[in-house]
C-alpha atoms as a PDB file:
ATOM      1  CA  MET A   1     -12.101   7.158 -11.525  1.00  0.00           C
ATOM      2  CA  SER A   2     -11.230   8.176  -7.979  1.00  0.00           C
ATOM      3  CA  HIS A   3      -8.771  10.993  -7.417  1.00  0.00           C
ATOM      4  CA  TYR A   4      -8.149   9.940  -3.815  1.00  0.00           C
ATOM      5  CA  THR A   5      -4.491   8.977  -3.826  1.00  0.00           C
ATOM      6  CA  ALA A   6      -2.739   6.724  -1.329  1.00  0.00           C
ATOM      7  CA  LEU A   7       0.937   5.961  -0.957  1.00  0.00           C
ATOM      8  CA  LEU A   8       1.337   2.354   0.177  1.00  0.00           C
ATOM      9  CA  ASP A   9       4.148   1.878   2.675  1.00  0.00           C
ATOM     10  CA  ALA A  10       6.346  -1.231   2.464  1.00  0.00           C
ATOM     11  CA  ASN A  11       4.734  -2.771   5.544  1.00  0.00           C
ATOM     12  CA  ILE A  12       1.419  -2.743   3.666  1.00  0.00           C
ATOM     13  CA  LEU A  13       2.853  -4.384   0.554  1.00  0.00           C
ATOM     14  CA  TYR A  14       4.751  -7.036   2.535  1.00  0.00           C
ATOM     15  CA  PRO A  15       1.765  -9.282   3.419  1.00  0.00           C
ATOM     16  CA  ALA A  16       0.362 -10.836   0.233  1.00  0.00           C
ATOM     17  CA  PRO A  17      -3.326 -10.792   1.312  1.00  0.00           C
ATOM     18  CA  MET A  18      -3.291  -7.040   2.008  1.00  0.00           C
ATOM     19  CA  ARG A  19      -1.222  -6.320  -1.111  1.00  0.00           C
ATOM     20  CA  ASP A  20      -3.619  -8.326  -3.290  1.00  0.00           C
ATOM     21  CA  LEU A  21      -6.721  -6.631  -1.903  1.00  0.00           C
ATOM     22  CA  LEU A  22      -5.297  -3.114  -2.207  1.00  0.00           C
ATOM     23  CA  MET A  23      -4.117  -3.846  -5.738  1.00  0.00           C
ATOM     24  CA  GLN A  24      -7.572  -5.054  -6.760  1.00  0.00           C
ATOM     25  CA  LEU A  25      -9.196  -1.996  -5.153  1.00  0.00           C
ATOM     26  CA  ALA A  26      -6.781   0.243  -7.078  1.00  0.00           C
ATOM     27  CA  VAL A  27      -7.348  -1.588 -10.369  1.00  0.00           C
ATOM     28  CA  THR A  28     -11.089  -1.149  -9.781  1.00  0.00           C
ATOM     29  CA  ASP A  29     -10.441   2.619  -9.436  1.00  0.00           C
ATOM     30  CA  LEU A  30     -11.656   2.910  -5.851  1.00  0.00           C
ATOM     31  CA  PHE A  31      -8.454   4.877  -5.219  1.00  0.00           C
ATOM     32  CA  LYS A  32      -5.158   5.713  -6.911  1.00  0.00           C
ATOM     33  CA  ALA A  33      -2.263   3.693  -5.510  1.00  0.00           C
ATOM     34  CA  LYS A  34       1.307   4.995  -5.408  1.00  0.00           C
ATOM     35  CA  TRP A  35       4.665   3.578  -4.324  1.00  0.00           C
ATOM     36  CA  THR A  36       8.336   3.908  -5.197  1.00  0.00           C
ATOM     37  CA  ALA A  37      11.179   1.656  -6.292  1.00  0.00           C
ATOM     38  CA  ASP A  38      12.596   2.105  -2.761  1.00  0.00           C
ATOM     39  CA  ILE A  39       9.329   0.933  -1.205  1.00  0.00           C
ATOM     40  CA  HIS A  40       9.345  -2.084  -3.513  1.00  0.00           C
ATOM     41  CA  ARG A  41      12.937  -2.856  -2.520  1.00  0.00           C
ATOM     42  CA  GLU A  42      12.056  -2.594   1.163  1.00  0.00           C
ATOM     43  CA  TRP A  43       9.109  -5.004   1.138  1.00  0.00           C
ATOM     44  CA  ILE A  44      10.908  -7.474  -1.132  1.00  0.00           C
ATOM     45  CA  GLU A  45      14.111  -7.464   0.965  1.00  0.00           C
ATOM     46  CA  ASN A  46      12.164  -7.886   4.216  1.00  0.00           C
ATOM     47  CA  LEU A  47      10.138 -10.739   2.778  1.00  0.00           C
ATOM     48  CA  LEU A  48      13.290 -12.501   1.544  1.00  0.00           C
ATOM     49  CA  LYS A  49      14.945 -12.016   4.940  1.00  0.00           C
ATOM     50  CA  ASN A  50      11.961 -13.315   6.922  1.00  0.00           C
ATOM     51  CA  GLN A  51      10.912 -16.032   4.486  1.00  0.00           C
ATOM     52  CA  PRO A  52      14.126 -17.295   2.858  1.00  0.00           C
ATOM     53  CA  HIS A  53      12.246 -19.969   0.901  1.00  0.00           C
ATOM     54  CA  ARG A  54      10.789 -17.205  -1.297  1.00  0.00           C
ATOM     55  CA  LEU A  55      12.358 -16.682  -4.702  1.00  0.00           C
ATOM     56  CA  ARG A  56      13.547 -13.171  -5.520  1.00  0.00           C
ATOM     57  CA  GLU A  57      12.505 -13.528  -9.156  1.00  0.00           C
ATOM     58  CA  ASN A  58       8.908 -14.312  -8.142  1.00  0.00           C
ATOM     59  CA  LEU A  59       8.733 -11.230  -5.929  1.00  0.00           C
ATOM     60  CA  GLU A  60      10.292  -9.090  -8.648  1.00  0.00           C
ATOM     61  CA  ARG A  61       7.704 -10.426 -11.083  1.00  0.00           C
ATOM     62  CA  THR A  62       4.986  -9.408  -8.612  1.00  0.00           C
ATOM     63  CA  ARG A  63       6.573  -5.942  -8.417  1.00  0.00           C
ATOM     64  CA  ASP A  64       6.632  -5.643 -12.209  1.00  0.00           C
ATOM     65  CA  LEU A  65       3.011  -6.766 -12.509  1.00  0.00           C
ATOM     66  CA  MET A  66       2.004  -4.198  -9.882  1.00  0.00           C
ATOM     67  CA  ASP A  67       3.787  -1.432 -11.764  1.00  0.00           C
ATOM     68  CA  CYS A  68       2.032  -2.420 -14.997  1.00  0.00           C
ATOM     69  CA  ALA A  69      -1.419  -2.922 -13.468  1.00  0.00           C
ATOM     70  CA  VAL A  70      -1.779   0.481 -11.814  1.00  0.00           C
ATOM     71  CA  ARG A  71      -1.287   3.465 -14.083  1.00  0.00           C
ATOM     72  CA  ASP A  72       1.097   6.175 -12.819  1.00  0.00           C
ATOM     73  CA  SER A  73       1.789   4.244  -9.617  1.00  0.00           C
ATOM     74  CA  LEU A  74       5.561   4.658  -9.508  1.00  0.00           C
ATOM     75  CA  VAL A  75       6.626   7.938  -7.872  1.00  0.00           C
ATOM     76  CA  THR A  76      10.037   9.254  -8.912  1.00  0.00           C
ATOM     77  CA  GLY A  77      11.985  12.445  -8.298  1.00  0.00           C
ATOM     78  CA  TYR A  78      11.264  12.624  -4.569  1.00  0.00           C
ATOM     79  CA  GLU A  79      14.835  12.084  -3.380  1.00  0.00           C
ATOM     80  CA  PRO A  80      15.828  15.799  -3.184  1.00  0.00           C
ATOM     81  CA  LEU A  81      13.097  16.378  -0.564  1.00  0.00           C
ATOM     82  CA  ILE A  82      14.304  13.684   1.833  1.00  0.00           C
ATOM     83  CA  PRO A  83      16.993  15.701   3.706  1.00  0.00           C
ATOM     84  CA  ALA A  84      14.537  18.536   4.460  1.00  0.00           C
ATOM     85  CA  LEU A  85      11.973  16.289   6.143  1.00  0.00           C
ATOM     86  CA  ASN A  86      11.799  15.431   9.838  1.00  0.00           C
ATOM     87  CA  LEU A  87      10.155  12.251  11.062  1.00  0.00           C
ATOM     88  CA  PRO A  88      10.646  10.185  14.232  1.00  0.00           C
ATOM     89  CA  ASP A  89      12.315   7.496  12.112  1.00  0.00           C
ATOM     90  CA  PRO A  90      14.640   9.151   9.574  1.00  0.00           C
ATOM     91  CA  ASP A  91      14.453   5.998   7.443  1.00  0.00           C
ATOM     92  CA  ASP A  92      10.783   6.825   6.722  1.00  0.00           C
ATOM     93  CA  ARG A  93      11.487  10.242   5.204  1.00  0.00           C
ATOM     94  CA  HIS A  94      11.521   8.755   1.703  1.00  0.00           C
ATOM     95  CA  VAL A  95       7.892   7.664   2.211  1.00  0.00           C
ATOM     96  CA  LEU A  96       6.739  11.186   3.089  1.00  0.00           C
ATOM     97  CA  ALA A  97       8.834  12.685   0.277  1.00  0.00           C
ATOM     98  CA  ALA A  98       7.201  10.317  -2.209  1.00  0.00           C
ATOM     99  CA  ALA A  99       3.737  11.124  -0.850  1.00  0.00           C
ATOM    100  CA  ILE A 100       4.417  14.842  -1.330  1.00  0.00           C
ATOM    101  CA  VAL A 101       5.746  14.455  -4.885  1.00  0.00           C
ATOM    102  CA  GLY A 102       3.015  11.932  -5.730  1.00  0.00           C
ATOM    103  CA  ARG A 103       0.341  14.372  -4.491  1.00  0.00           C
ATOM    104  CA  CYS A 104      -1.057  11.756  -2.153  1.00  0.00           C
ATOM    105  CA  ASP A 105      -3.908  12.361   0.245  1.00  0.00           C
ATOM    106  CA  VAL A 106      -2.872   9.587   2.594  1.00  0.00           C
ATOM    107  CA  ILE A 107      -0.018   7.268   3.537  1.00  0.00           C
ATOM    108  CA  ILE A 108      -1.290   3.784   4.337  1.00  0.00           C
ATOM    109  CA  THR A 109       0.990   2.299   6.983  1.00  0.00           C
ATOM    110  CA  GLN A 110       1.084   0.069  10.029  1.00  0.00           C
ATOM    111  CA  ASN A 111       3.519   2.541  11.651  1.00  0.00           C
ATOM    112  CA  LEU A 112       1.275   5.487  12.476  1.00  0.00           C
ATOM    113  CA  LYS A 113       3.608   6.687  15.253  1.00  0.00           C
ATOM    114  CA  ASP A 114       6.325   7.269  12.652  1.00  0.00           C
ATOM    115  CA  PHE A 115       4.108   9.678  10.693  1.00  0.00           C
ATOM    116  CA  PRO A 116       2.823  12.287  13.195  1.00  0.00           C
ATOM    117  CA  SER A 117      -0.141  14.319  11.981  1.00  0.00           C
ATOM    118  CA  GLU A 118       1.544  17.602  12.900  1.00  0.00           C
ATOM    119  CA  VAL A 119       4.365  16.801  10.455  1.00  0.00           C
ATOM    120  CA  LEU A 120       2.077  15.573   7.660  1.00  0.00           C
ATOM    121  CA  ALA A 121      -0.697  18.197   7.948  1.00  0.00           C
ATOM    122  CA  PRO A 122       1.221  21.066   6.294  1.00  0.00           C
ATOM    123  CA  TYR A 123       1.464  18.877   3.180  1.00  0.00           C
ATOM    124  CA  GLY A 124      -2.235  17.984   3.208  1.00  0.00           C
ATOM    125  CA  ILE A 125      -1.385  14.348   3.922  1.00  0.00           C
ATOM    126  CA  GLU A 126      -2.573  12.051   6.683  1.00  0.00           C
ATOM    127  CA  ALA A 127      -1.369   8.641   7.800  1.00  0.00           C
ATOM    128  CA  GLN A 128      -3.951   5.892   8.053  1.00  0.00           C
ATOM    129  CA  HIS A 129      -3.878   2.350   9.320  1.00  0.00           C
ATOM    130  CA  PRO A 130      -4.965  -0.104   6.594  1.00  0.00           C
ATOM    131  CA  ASP A 131      -7.995  -1.161   8.671  1.00  0.00           C
ATOM    132  CA  ALA A 132      -9.285   2.426   8.735  1.00  0.00           C
ATOM    133  CA  PHE A 133      -8.543   2.850   5.029  1.00  0.00           C
ATOM    134  CA  LEU A 134     -10.485  -0.302   4.149  1.00  0.00           C
ATOM    135  CA  CYS A 135     -13.401   0.609   6.442  1.00  0.00           C
ATOM    136  CA  ASN A 136     -13.611   4.060   4.844  1.00  0.00           C
ATOM    137  CA  HIS A 137     -13.783   2.520   1.376  1.00  0.00           C
ATOM    138  CA  LEU A 138     -16.377   0.008   2.529  1.00  0.00           C
ATOM    139  CA  SER A 139     -18.591   2.858   3.766  1.00  0.00           C
ATOM    140  CA  LEU A 140     -18.087   4.923   0.583  1.00  0.00           C
ATOM    141  CA  ALA A 141     -18.877   2.167  -1.925  1.00  0.00           C
ATOM    142  CA  PRO A 142     -20.182  -0.904  -0.074  1.00  0.00           C
ATOM    143  CA  GLY A 143     -21.395  -2.848  -3.112  1.00  0.00           C
ATOM    144  CA  LEU A 144     -18.268  -2.350  -5.181  1.00  0.00           C
ATOM    145  CA  PHE A 145     -15.975  -2.877  -2.197  1.00  0.00           C
ATOM    146  CA  CYS A 146     -17.662  -6.171  -1.264  1.00  0.00           C
ATOM    147  CA  SER A 147     -17.532  -7.413  -4.854  1.00  0.00           C
ATOM    148  CA  VAL A 148     -13.785  -6.682  -4.961  1.00  0.00           C
ATOM    149  CA  VAL A 149     -13.222  -8.518  -1.672  1.00  0.00           C
ATOM    150  CA  ARG A 150     -15.264 -11.462  -2.960  1.00  0.00           C
ATOM    151  CA  LYS A 151     -13.287 -11.517  -6.221  1.00  0.00           C
ATOM    152  CA  VAL A 152      -9.940 -11.582  -4.403  1.00  0.00           C
ATOM    153  CA  ARG A 153     -11.132 -14.243  -1.956  1.00  0.00           C
ATOM    154  CA  CYS A 154     -12.482 -16.481  -4.718  1.00  0.00           C
ATOM    155  CA  ARG A 155      -9.096 -16.466  -6.470  1.00  0.00           C
ATOM    156  CA  LEU A 156      -7.631 -18.263  -3.459  1.00  0.00           C
ATOM    157  CA  LYS A 157      -7.907 -21.951  -4.253  1.00  0.00           C
ATOM    158  CA  GLU A 158      -5.168 -23.666  -2.231  1.00  0.00           C
ATOM    159  CA  PRO A 159      -6.540 -23.586   0.338  1.00  0.00           C
ATOM    160  CA  PRO A 160      -9.918 -22.013  -0.422  1.00  0.00           C
ATOM    161  CA  PHE A 161     -11.088 -19.487   2.166  1.00  0.00           C
ATOM    162  CA  ASN A 162     -14.547 -18.779   3.500  1.00  0.00           C
ATOM    163  CA  ALA A 163     -15.325 -15.097   4.043  1.00  0.00           C
ATOM    164  CA  MET A 164     -14.366 -14.972   7.729  1.00  0.00           C
ATOM    165  CA  ASP A 165     -11.117 -16.891   7.242  1.00  0.00           C
ATOM    166  CA  TYR A 166     -10.173 -14.560   4.400  1.00  0.00           C
ATOM    167  CA  LEU A 167     -10.848 -11.452   6.489  1.00  0.00           C
ATOM    168  CA  ASP A 168      -8.643 -12.917   9.236  1.00  0.00           C
ATOM    169  CA  THR A 169      -5.717 -13.006   6.774  1.00  0.00           C
ATOM    170  CA  LEU A 170      -5.915  -9.217   6.492  1.00  0.00           C
ATOM    171  CA  THR A 171      -5.200  -8.574  10.165  1.00  0.00           C
END
């Protein structure tokens, strides 16, 4: 089991293809995934706002399945740290606080500018774009990584995806 621990920001959990792949990688023990109830709320609320045809209960079921599938994924008790943290976007302080309490090595996010390395470094945390995170895991365990990607892609039936089309959904 990997001890490399990543906090998944809401913008990573929002798109289903990325969420599904990262979940499968975590379930396969390529890394330990962490998130918070606040992060769940954020991606669910944004998805409902941007795609009003979605049903809240389906997204909440997805959240519950995620929490059950990945052991020790839900970080709690981070709230007291939030006021002491400084980030360019104060609304992201909860993410850093959770990464600190969750003993994460990395925050996976699309918003790298909101997590400057000079702020994260004292905590032994770095921010990584999901593309870099996935490429790193591909280079560390190419066979296992590719089998996970293939497994996730093959679950997609309507419509089915060839390899290149599936990879395009991750960008």
